[in-house]
């Protein structure tokens, strides 16, 4: 189940970008910038169980001799769930031009359990090197592969008006030691009420394989702001044991001002 939850976090972290030989593609980005930050509250029904913080560092870093955004996603338990003391960090170094990962770091702290992994992406050779403790493994991956964080940021550059209602965005995504072929369907438009006001959103549904963990074909619903930011405002997941929701509760240094009503 833990791996499934990690993959879910990457569902709104999913899309693709490409290379021609060893030349990087240029992707237009009008949605995010260095220094932006979002905070989300996670609930099980009406009970707060966690908090997530998504932050783009205000500096640009060099990885593989390429300028990169450094993005941190920190998820931790909160409220009554704090008894479990879970704190997981996902860090991705994302090419500022191509919006693809050059390095990904995963750090898990769950009570007495600890795990640290580092992934280095070589997009010219289409391989990923995974390092964990003293073990080093190399995996072949498809072109345009993303990690769970970089895919989300590329998704924010996608103009859904060019895709059309009912269409999907597809991409390969690599996490841990597995390759996921994931797709997200653009369902339509809606409005979401938040603590800041009401906002128009795009409704996205990740397309899932048949399984017993999630309930229904639209078990995961992502509500993305229908503006230049294209940022998730709310996420709902129907598990077999109940519904988990995640809603934006704070934001700073956004590239485009939100329009609340």
C-alpha atoms as a PDB file:
ATOM      1  CA  UNK A   1       0.000   0.000   0.000  1.00  0.00           C
ATOM      2  CA  UNK A   2       2.851   2.402   0.773  1.00  0.00           C
ATOM      3  CA  UNK A   3       4.181   2.179  -2.769  1.00  0.00           C
ATOM      4  CA  UNK A   4       0.670   2.808  -4.119  1.00  0.00           C
ATOM      5  CA  UNK A   5       0.402   5.981  -2.048  1.00  0.00           C
ATOM      6  CA  UNK A   6       3.797   7.167  -3.330  1.00  0.00           C
ATOM      7  CA  UNK A   7       2.617   6.607  -6.877  1.00  0.00           C
ATOM      8  CA  UNK A   8      -0.617   8.504  -6.174  1.00  0.00           C
ATOM      9  CA  UNK A   9       1.424  11.497  -5.038  1.00  0.00           C
ATOM     10  CA  UNK A  10       3.036  11.333  -8.438  1.00  0.00           C
ATOM     11  CA  UNK A  11      -0.228  11.157 -10.361  1.00  0.00           C
ATOM     12  CA  UNK A  12      -0.528  14.898 -10.496  1.00  0.00           C
ATOM     13  CA  UNK A  13       3.196  14.811 -11.001  1.00  0.00           C
ATOM     14  CA  UNK A  14       2.987  13.218 -14.461  1.00  0.00           C
ATOM     15  CA  UNK A  15       3.693  14.064 -18.127  1.00  0.00           C
ATOM     16  CA  UNK A  16       6.495  13.942 -20.686  1.00  0.00           C
ATOM     17  CA  UNK A  17       9.102  15.968 -22.494  1.00  0.00           C
ATOM     18  CA  UNK A  18      11.720  14.951 -25.002  1.00  0.00           C
ATOM     19  CA  UNK A  19      15.098  14.896 -26.628  1.00  0.00           C
ATOM     20  CA  UNK A  20      16.315  14.829 -30.174  1.00  0.00           C
ATOM     21  CA  UNK A  21      19.687  13.051 -30.051  1.00  0.00           C
ATOM     22  CA  UNK A  22      21.480  14.882 -27.202  1.00  0.00           C
ATOM     23  CA  UNK A  23      19.621  18.164 -27.637  1.00  0.00           C
ATOM     24  CA  UNK A  24      17.201  19.235 -24.932  1.00  0.00           C
ATOM     25  CA  UNK A  25      13.711  20.303 -25.838  1.00  0.00           C
ATOM     26  CA  UNK A  26      12.577  23.748 -24.734  1.00  0.00           C
ATOM     27  CA  UNK A  27       9.271  23.773 -22.866  1.00  0.00           C
ATOM     28  CA  UNK A  28       7.404  27.036 -22.323  1.00  0.00           C
ATOM     29  CA  UNK A  29       6.726  27.653 -18.656  1.00  0.00           C
ATOM     30  CA  UNK A  30       4.426  30.444 -17.509  1.00  0.00           C
ATOM     31  CA  UNK A  31       3.134  28.606 -14.427  1.00  0.00           C
ATOM     32  CA  UNK A  32       5.841  28.427 -11.754  1.00  0.00           C
ATOM     33  CA  UNK A  33       9.064  30.099 -10.699  1.00  0.00           C
ATOM     34  CA  UNK A  34      11.930  29.814  -8.229  1.00  0.00           C
ATOM     35  CA  UNK A  35      10.798  30.688  -4.713  1.00  0.00           C
ATOM     36  CA  UNK A  36       7.158  29.588  -4.922  1.00  0.00           C
ATOM     37  CA  UNK A  37       5.664  27.510  -2.123  1.00  0.00           C
ATOM     38  CA  UNK A  38       2.378  25.705  -1.445  1.00  0.00           C
ATOM     39  CA  UNK A  39       1.071  24.071   1.728  1.00  0.00           C
ATOM     40  CA  UNK A  40      -1.638  21.399   1.798  1.00  0.00           C
ATOM     41  CA  UNK A  41      -3.663  19.864   4.615  1.00  0.00           C
ATOM     42  CA  UNK A  42      -4.437  16.147   4.388  1.00  0.00           C
ATOM     43  CA  UNK A  43      -7.678  14.796   5.875  1.00  0.00           C
ATOM     44  CA  UNK A  44      -9.344  11.436   6.376  1.00  0.00           C
ATOM     45  CA  UNK A  45     -12.984  12.432   6.376  1.00  0.00           C
ATOM     46  CA  UNK A  46     -13.088  15.413   8.767  1.00  0.00           C
ATOM     47  CA  UNK A  47      -9.939  14.390  10.667  1.00  0.00           C
ATOM     48  CA  UNK A  48      -6.593  16.045   9.875  1.00  0.00           C
ATOM     49  CA  UNK A  49      -3.969  13.339   9.374  1.00  0.00           C
ATOM     50  CA  UNK A  50      -1.131  15.097   7.580  1.00  0.00           C
ATOM     51  CA  UNK A  51       0.435  18.114   5.930  1.00  0.00           C
ATOM     52  CA  UNK A  52       2.353  18.516   2.684  1.00  0.00           C
ATOM     53  CA  UNK A  53       4.683  21.341   1.715  1.00  0.00           C
ATOM     54  CA  UNK A  54       5.777  21.867  -1.909  1.00  0.00           C
ATOM     55  CA  UNK A  55       8.610  24.372  -2.386  1.00  0.00           C
ATOM     56  CA  UNK A  56      10.776  25.526  -5.269  1.00  0.00           C
ATOM     57  CA  UNK A  57      14.085  26.838  -3.909  1.00  0.00           C
ATOM     58  CA  UNK A  58      14.709  30.502  -4.649  1.00  0.00           C
ATOM     59  CA  UNK A  59      18.104  29.667  -6.192  1.00  0.00           C
ATOM     60  CA  UNK A  60      18.947  27.812  -9.415  1.00  0.00           C
ATOM     61  CA  UNK A  61      21.265  24.784  -9.101  1.00  0.00           C
ATOM     62  CA  UNK A  62      23.634  23.111 -11.582  1.00  0.00           C
ATOM     63  CA  UNK A  63      23.219  19.335 -12.106  1.00  0.00           C
ATOM     64  CA  UNK A  64      24.705  17.457 -15.064  1.00  0.00           C
ATOM     65  CA  UNK A  65      25.994  20.859 -16.103  1.00  0.00           C
ATOM     66  CA  UNK A  66      22.412  22.051 -16.583  1.00  0.00           C
ATOM     67  CA  UNK A  67      20.517  24.794 -14.671  1.00  0.00           C
ATOM     68  CA  UNK A  68      17.854  23.210 -12.479  1.00  0.00           C
ATOM     69  CA  UNK A  69      15.024  24.121 -10.141  1.00  0.00           C
ATOM     70  CA  UNK A  70      15.356  22.356  -6.810  1.00  0.00           C
ATOM     71  CA  UNK A  71      11.939  21.225  -5.634  1.00  0.00           C
ATOM     72  CA  UNK A  72      11.217  19.781  -2.187  1.00  0.00           C
ATOM     73  CA  UNK A  73       8.003  17.935  -1.372  1.00  0.00           C
ATOM     74  CA  UNK A  74       7.698  17.212   2.350  1.00  0.00           C
ATOM     75  CA  UNK A  75       4.865  15.064   3.669  1.00  0.00           C
ATOM     76  CA  UNK A  76       4.371  14.430   7.352  1.00  0.00           C
ATOM     77  CA  UNK A  77       1.696  13.267   9.748  1.00  0.00           C
ATOM     78  CA  UNK A  78      -0.299  15.831  11.700  1.00  0.00           C
ATOM     79  CA  UNK A  79      -3.109  15.919  14.239  1.00  0.00           C
ATOM     80  CA  UNK A  80      -4.040  12.562  15.757  1.00  0.00           C
ATOM     81  CA  UNK A  81      -1.923  10.779  13.128  1.00  0.00           C
ATOM     82  CA  UNK A  82       1.228  12.373  14.611  1.00  0.00           C
ATOM     83  CA  UNK A  83       1.433   9.331  16.881  1.00  0.00           C
ATOM     84  CA  UNK A  84       2.916   7.509  13.859  1.00  0.00           C
ATOM     85  CA  UNK A  85       5.654  10.140  13.305  1.00  0.00           C
ATOM     86  CA  UNK A  86       5.951   9.900   9.537  1.00  0.00           C
ATOM     87  CA  UNK A  87       8.079  12.403   7.577  1.00  0.00           C
ATOM     88  CA  UNK A  88       8.911  11.734   3.923  1.00  0.00           C
ATOM     89  CA  UNK A  89      10.863  14.045   1.614  1.00  0.00           C
ATOM     90  CA  UNK A  90      10.970  13.981  -2.187  1.00  0.00           C
ATOM     91  CA  UNK A  91      13.575  16.256  -3.789  1.00  0.00           C
ATOM     92  CA  UNK A  92      13.933  16.724  -7.532  1.00  0.00           C
ATOM     93  CA  UNK A  93      16.406  18.760  -9.560  1.00  0.00           C
ATOM     94  CA  UNK A  94      14.415  19.748 -12.645  1.00  0.00           C
ATOM     95  CA  UNK A  95      15.910  21.133 -15.843  1.00  0.00           C
ATOM     96  CA  UNK A  96      14.713  24.731 -16.174  1.00  0.00           C
ATOM     97  CA  UNK A  97      14.412  24.463 -19.963  1.00  0.00           C
ATOM     98  CA  UNK A  98      13.253  20.899 -20.624  1.00  0.00           C
ATOM     99  CA  UNK A  99      11.357  20.318 -17.325  1.00  0.00           C
ATOM    100  CA  UNK A 100      12.843  16.843 -16.826  1.00  0.00           C
ATOM    101  CA  UNK A 101      14.681  15.410 -13.788  1.00  0.00           C
ATOM    102  CA  UNK A 102      18.451  15.204 -13.526  1.00  0.00           C
ATOM    103  CA  UNK A 103      18.512  14.010  -9.920  1.00  0.00           C
ATOM    104  CA  UNK A 104      15.889  12.712  -7.502  1.00  0.00           C
ATOM    105  CA  UNK A 105      16.306  12.067  -3.776  1.00  0.00           C
ATOM    106  CA  UNK A 106      13.822  10.151  -1.634  1.00  0.00           C
ATOM    107  CA  UNK A 107      14.109  10.147   2.167  1.00  0.00           C
ATOM    108  CA  UNK A 108      11.632   8.303   4.393  1.00  0.00           C
ATOM    109  CA  UNK A 109      11.344   8.472   8.176  1.00  0.00           C
ATOM    110  CA  UNK A 110       8.501   6.391   9.593  1.00  0.00           C
ATOM    111  CA  UNK A 111       8.805   5.765  13.350  1.00  0.00           C
ATOM    112  CA  UNK A 112      11.993   3.656  13.589  1.00  0.00           C
ATOM    113  CA  UNK A 113      12.163   2.978   9.856  1.00  0.00           C
ATOM    114  CA  UNK A 114      14.574   4.985   7.682  1.00  0.00           C
ATOM    115  CA  UNK A 115      15.260   4.802   3.961  1.00  0.00           C
ATOM    116  CA  UNK A 116      17.334   6.987   1.636  1.00  0.00           C
ATOM    117  CA  UNK A 117      17.576   6.676  -2.146  1.00  0.00           C
ATOM    118  CA  UNK A 118      19.284   8.793  -4.802  1.00  0.00           C
ATOM    119  CA  UNK A 119      18.472   8.575  -8.516  1.00  0.00           C
ATOM    120  CA  UNK A 120      20.648  10.132 -11.214  1.00  0.00           C
ATOM    121  CA  UNK A 121      19.119  10.495 -14.683  1.00  0.00           C
ATOM    122  CA  UNK A 122      21.185  10.256 -17.856  1.00  0.00           C
ATOM    123  CA  UNK A 123      18.727  11.279 -20.565  1.00  0.00           C
ATOM    124  CA  UNK A 124      21.255  10.958 -23.367  1.00  0.00           C
ATOM    125  CA  UNK A 125      21.697   7.226 -22.651  1.00  0.00           C
ATOM    126  CA  UNK A 126      18.168   6.714 -21.274  1.00  0.00           C
ATOM    127  CA  UNK A 127      19.316   5.197 -18.000  1.00  0.00           C
ATOM    128  CA  UNK A 128      18.728   5.880 -14.308  1.00  0.00           C
ATOM    129  CA  UNK A 129      21.307   5.076 -11.640  1.00  0.00           C
ATOM    130  CA  UNK A 130      19.822   4.227  -8.255  1.00  0.00           C
ATOM    131  CA  UNK A 131      21.955   4.394  -5.102  1.00  0.00           C
ATOM    132  CA  UNK A 132      20.774   3.044  -1.751  1.00  0.00           C
ATOM    133  CA  UNK A 133      23.231   2.411   1.084  1.00  0.00           C
ATOM    134  CA  UNK A 134      26.163   0.618  -0.568  1.00  0.00           C
ATOM    135  CA  UNK A 135      24.097  -0.762  -3.429  1.00  0.00           C
ATOM    136  CA  UNK A 136      24.159   0.776  -6.927  1.00  0.00           C
ATOM    137  CA  UNK A 137      21.784  -0.322  -9.702  1.00  0.00           C
ATOM    138  CA  UNK A 138      21.315   0.961 -13.248  1.00  0.00           C
ATOM    139  CA  UNK A 139      17.996   0.774 -15.082  1.00  0.00           C
ATOM    140  CA  UNK A 140      17.111   1.302 -18.709  1.00  0.00           C
ATOM    141  CA  UNK A 141      14.220   3.713 -19.094  1.00  0.00           C
ATOM    142  CA  UNK A 142      12.226   5.146 -22.004  1.00  0.00           C
ATOM    143  CA  UNK A 143      12.792   8.580 -23.396  1.00  0.00           C
ATOM    144  CA  UNK A 144      10.898  11.361 -21.677  1.00  0.00           C
ATOM    145  CA  UNK A 145      10.888   9.529 -18.328  1.00  0.00           C
ATOM    146  CA  UNK A 146       9.964  11.583 -15.276  1.00  0.00           C
ATOM    147  CA  UNK A 147      10.177  11.205 -11.527  1.00  0.00           C
ATOM    148  CA  UNK A 148       7.095  11.770  -9.359  1.00  0.00           C
ATOM    149  CA  UNK A 149       7.927  15.438  -8.758  1.00  0.00           C
ATOM    150  CA  UNK A 150       9.251  16.595 -12.136  1.00  0.00           C
ATOM    151  CA  UNK A 151       6.266  15.087 -13.944  1.00  0.00           C
ATOM    152  CA  UNK A 152       3.930  17.202 -11.848  1.00  0.00           C
ATOM    153  CA  UNK A 153       5.807  20.369 -12.772  1.00  0.00           C
ATOM    154  CA  UNK A 154       5.757  19.518 -16.436  1.00  0.00           C
ATOM    155  CA  UNK A 155       2.028  18.847 -16.185  1.00  0.00           C
ATOM    156  CA  UNK A 156       1.630  22.411 -14.990  1.00  0.00           C
ATOM    157  CA  UNK A 157       2.980  23.631 -18.338  1.00  0.00           C
ATOM    158  CA  UNK A 158       0.359  21.696 -20.331  1.00  0.00           C
ATOM    159  CA  UNK A 159      -2.399  23.738 -22.000  1.00  0.00           C
ATOM    160  CA  UNK A 160      -5.471  21.557 -21.543  1.00  0.00           C
ATOM    161  CA  UNK A 161      -7.455  23.642 -24.020  1.00  0.00           C
ATOM    162  CA  UNK A 162      -5.254  22.031 -26.688  1.00  0.00           C
ATOM    163  CA  UNK A 163      -5.980  18.544 -25.372  1.00  0.00           C
ATOM    164  CA  UNK A 164      -9.758  18.575 -25.229  1.00  0.00           C
ATOM    165  CA  UNK A 165     -12.296  17.106 -22.820  1.00  0.00           C
ATOM    166  CA  UNK A 166     -12.018  13.341 -22.433  1.00  0.00           C
ATOM    167  CA  UNK A 167      -8.439  13.203 -23.740  1.00  0.00           C
ATOM    168  CA  UNK A 168      -5.447  11.966 -21.744  1.00  0.00           C
ATOM    169  CA  UNK A 169      -1.878  13.041 -21.087  1.00  0.00           C
ATOM    170  CA  UNK A 170       0.442  10.018 -20.932  1.00  0.00           C
ATOM    171  CA  UNK A 171       3.973   9.522 -19.648  1.00  0.00           C
ATOM    172  CA  UNK A 172       6.451   6.977 -18.293  1.00  0.00           C
ATOM    173  CA  UNK A 173       7.450   7.592 -14.675  1.00  0.00           C
ATOM    174  CA  UNK A 174      10.222   5.880 -12.684  1.00  0.00           C
ATOM    175  CA  UNK A 175      10.045   5.414  -8.910  1.00  0.00           C
ATOM    176  CA  UNK A 176      11.988   3.092  -6.573  1.00  0.00           C
ATOM    177  CA  UNK A 177      12.836   0.309  -9.027  1.00  0.00           C
ATOM    178  CA  UNK A 178       9.717   0.311 -11.180  1.00  0.00           C
ATOM    179  CA  UNK A 179       8.557   2.001 -14.355  1.00  0.00           C
ATOM    180  CA  UNK A 180       4.952   3.156 -14.415  1.00  0.00           C
ATOM    181  CA  UNK A 181       3.031   3.876 -17.592  1.00  0.00           C
ATOM    182  CA  UNK A 182       0.648   6.477 -16.347  1.00  0.00           C
ATOM    183  CA  UNK A 183      -2.066   8.600 -17.912  1.00  0.00           C
ATOM    184  CA  UNK A 184      -4.255  11.436 -16.672  1.00  0.00           C
ATOM    185  CA  UNK A 185      -7.645  12.198 -18.233  1.00  0.00           C
ATOM    186  CA  UNK A 186      -8.976  15.732 -18.616  1.00  0.00           C
ATOM    187  CA  UNK A 187     -12.605  15.368 -17.486  1.00  0.00           C
ATOM    188  CA  UNK A 188     -13.893  18.944 -17.667  1.00  0.00           C
ATOM    189  CA  UNK A 189     -14.340  22.117 -15.626  1.00  0.00           C
ATOM    190  CA  UNK A 190     -15.769  22.803 -12.189  1.00  0.00           C
ATOM    191  CA  UNK A 191     -15.568  25.196  -9.235  1.00  0.00           C
ATOM    192  CA  UNK A 192     -14.017  24.511  -5.828  1.00  0.00           C
ATOM    193  CA  UNK A 193     -14.649  26.383  -2.581  1.00  0.00           C
ATOM    194  CA  UNK A 194     -11.537  27.094  -0.479  1.00  0.00           C
ATOM    195  CA  UNK A 195     -10.610  29.205   2.530  1.00  0.00           C
ATOM    196  CA  UNK A 196      -9.506  31.882   0.053  1.00  0.00           C
ATOM    197  CA  UNK A 197     -12.737  31.879  -1.929  1.00  0.00           C
ATOM    198  CA  UNK A 198     -14.189  30.088  -4.933  1.00  0.00           C
ATOM    199  CA  UNK A 199     -12.026  29.250  -7.947  1.00  0.00           C
ATOM    200  CA  UNK A 200     -12.565  27.639 -11.354  1.00  0.00           C
ATOM    201  CA  UNK A 201     -10.678  24.370 -11.787  1.00  0.00           C
ATOM    202  CA  UNK A 202      -9.872  21.712 -14.354  1.00  0.00           C
ATOM    203  CA  UNK A 203     -10.947  18.206 -13.322  1.00  0.00           C
ATOM    204  CA  UNK A 204      -8.341  15.481 -13.904  1.00  0.00           C
ATOM    205  CA  UNK A 205      -8.689  11.730 -13.339  1.00  0.00           C
ATOM    206  CA  UNK A 206      -5.630   9.471 -13.342  1.00  0.00           C
ATOM    207  CA  UNK A 207      -6.439   6.285 -15.273  1.00  0.00           C
ATOM    208  CA  UNK A 208      -5.715   3.332 -12.989  1.00  0.00           C
ATOM    209  CA  UNK A 209      -5.278  -0.389 -13.624  1.00  0.00           C
ATOM    210  CA  UNK A 210      -7.865  -2.681 -12.050  1.00  0.00           C
ATOM    211  CA  UNK A 211      -7.111  -3.086  -8.336  1.00  0.00           C
ATOM    212  CA  UNK A 212      -8.712  -3.618  -4.940  1.00  0.00           C
ATOM    213  CA  UNK A 213      -7.195  -0.587  -3.229  1.00  0.00           C
ATOM    214  CA  UNK A 214      -9.210   2.146  -4.960  1.00  0.00           C
ATOM    215  CA  UNK A 215     -12.964   2.450  -5.374  1.00  0.00           C
ATOM    216  CA  UNK A 216     -14.285   3.122  -8.888  1.00  0.00           C
ATOM    217  CA  UNK A 217     -12.891   4.365 -12.193  1.00  0.00           C
ATOM    218  CA  UNK A 218     -12.695   7.947 -10.887  1.00  0.00           C
ATOM    219  CA  UNK A 219     -11.199   7.004  -7.513  1.00  0.00           C
ATOM    220  CA  UNK A 220      -8.634   9.812  -7.781  1.00  0.00           C
ATOM    221  CA  UNK A 221      -9.866  13.309  -8.569  1.00  0.00           C
ATOM    222  CA  UNK A 222      -7.476  16.225  -9.021  1.00  0.00           C
ATOM    223  CA  UNK A 223      -8.806  19.784  -9.212  1.00  0.00           C
ATOM    224  CA  UNK A 224      -6.248  22.063 -10.876  1.00  0.00           C
ATOM    225  CA  UNK A 225      -6.649  25.854 -11.031  1.00  0.00           C
ATOM    226  CA  UNK A 226      -7.953  26.912 -14.439  1.00  0.00           C
ATOM    227  CA  UNK A 227      -5.459  29.741 -14.749  1.00  0.00           C
ATOM    228  CA  UNK A 228      -1.808  30.247 -15.652  1.00  0.00           C
ATOM    229  CA  UNK A 229      -0.631  28.624 -12.392  1.00  0.00           C
ATOM    230  CA  UNK A 230      -2.283  25.256 -13.153  1.00  0.00           C
ATOM    231  CA  UNK A 231      -1.668  24.153  -9.585  1.00  0.00           C
ATOM    232  CA  UNK A 232      -3.675  21.488  -7.696  1.00  0.00           C
ATOM    233  CA  UNK A 233      -6.189  23.156  -5.387  1.00  0.00           C
ATOM    234  CA  UNK A 234      -7.704  19.931  -4.099  1.00  0.00           C
ATOM    235  CA  UNK A 235      -7.104  16.176  -4.407  1.00  0.00           C
ATOM    236  CA  UNK A 236      -9.570  13.431  -3.439  1.00  0.00           C
ATOM    237  CA  UNK A 237      -8.772   9.705  -3.261  1.00  0.00           C
ATOM    238  CA  UNK A 238     -11.392   7.008  -2.644  1.00  0.00           C
ATOM    239  CA  UNK A 239      -9.708   4.054  -0.945  1.00  0.00           C
ATOM    240  CA  UNK A 240     -11.450   0.819  -0.009  1.00  0.00           C
ATOM    241  CA  UNK A 241     -11.370   2.040   3.629  1.00  0.00           C
ATOM    242  CA  UNK A 242     -12.555   5.624   3.035  1.00  0.00           C
ATOM    243  CA  UNK A 243     -11.703   8.924   1.344  1.00  0.00           C
ATOM    244  CA  UNK A 244      -8.489  10.910   1.796  1.00  0.00           C
ATOM    245  CA  UNK A 245      -8.486  14.553   0.689  1.00  0.00           C
ATOM    246  CA  UNK A 246      -5.714  17.110   0.305  1.00  0.00           C
ATOM    247  CA  UNK A 247      -6.473  20.834   0.011  1.00  0.00           C
ATOM    248  CA  UNK A 248      -4.268  23.892  -0.463  1.00  0.00           C
ATOM    249  CA  UNK A 249      -4.234  26.032   2.692  1.00  0.00           C
ATOM    250  CA  UNK A 250      -1.371  28.476   2.011  1.00  0.00           C
ATOM    251  CA  UNK A 251       0.760  29.785  -0.849  1.00  0.00           C
ATOM    252  CA  UNK A 252       3.658  32.206  -1.328  1.00  0.00           C
ATOM    253  CA  UNK A 253       5.580  33.816  -4.203  1.00  0.00           C
ATOM    254  CA  UNK A 254       3.325  32.432  -6.920  1.00  0.00           C
ATOM    255  CA  UNK A 255       4.104  33.448 -10.477  1.00  0.00           C
ATOM    256  CA  UNK A 256       0.524  34.486 -11.279  1.00  0.00           C
ATOM    257  CA  UNK A 257      -1.988  35.928  -8.834  1.00  0.00           C
ATOM    258  CA  UNK A 258      -5.031  33.757  -8.147  1.00  0.00           C
ATOM    259  CA  UNK A 259      -8.494  35.148  -8.857  1.00  0.00           C
ATOM    260  CA  UNK A 260     -10.825  34.157  -6.008  1.00  0.00           C
ATOM    261  CA  UNK A 261     -14.545  34.938  -5.927  1.00  0.00           C
END
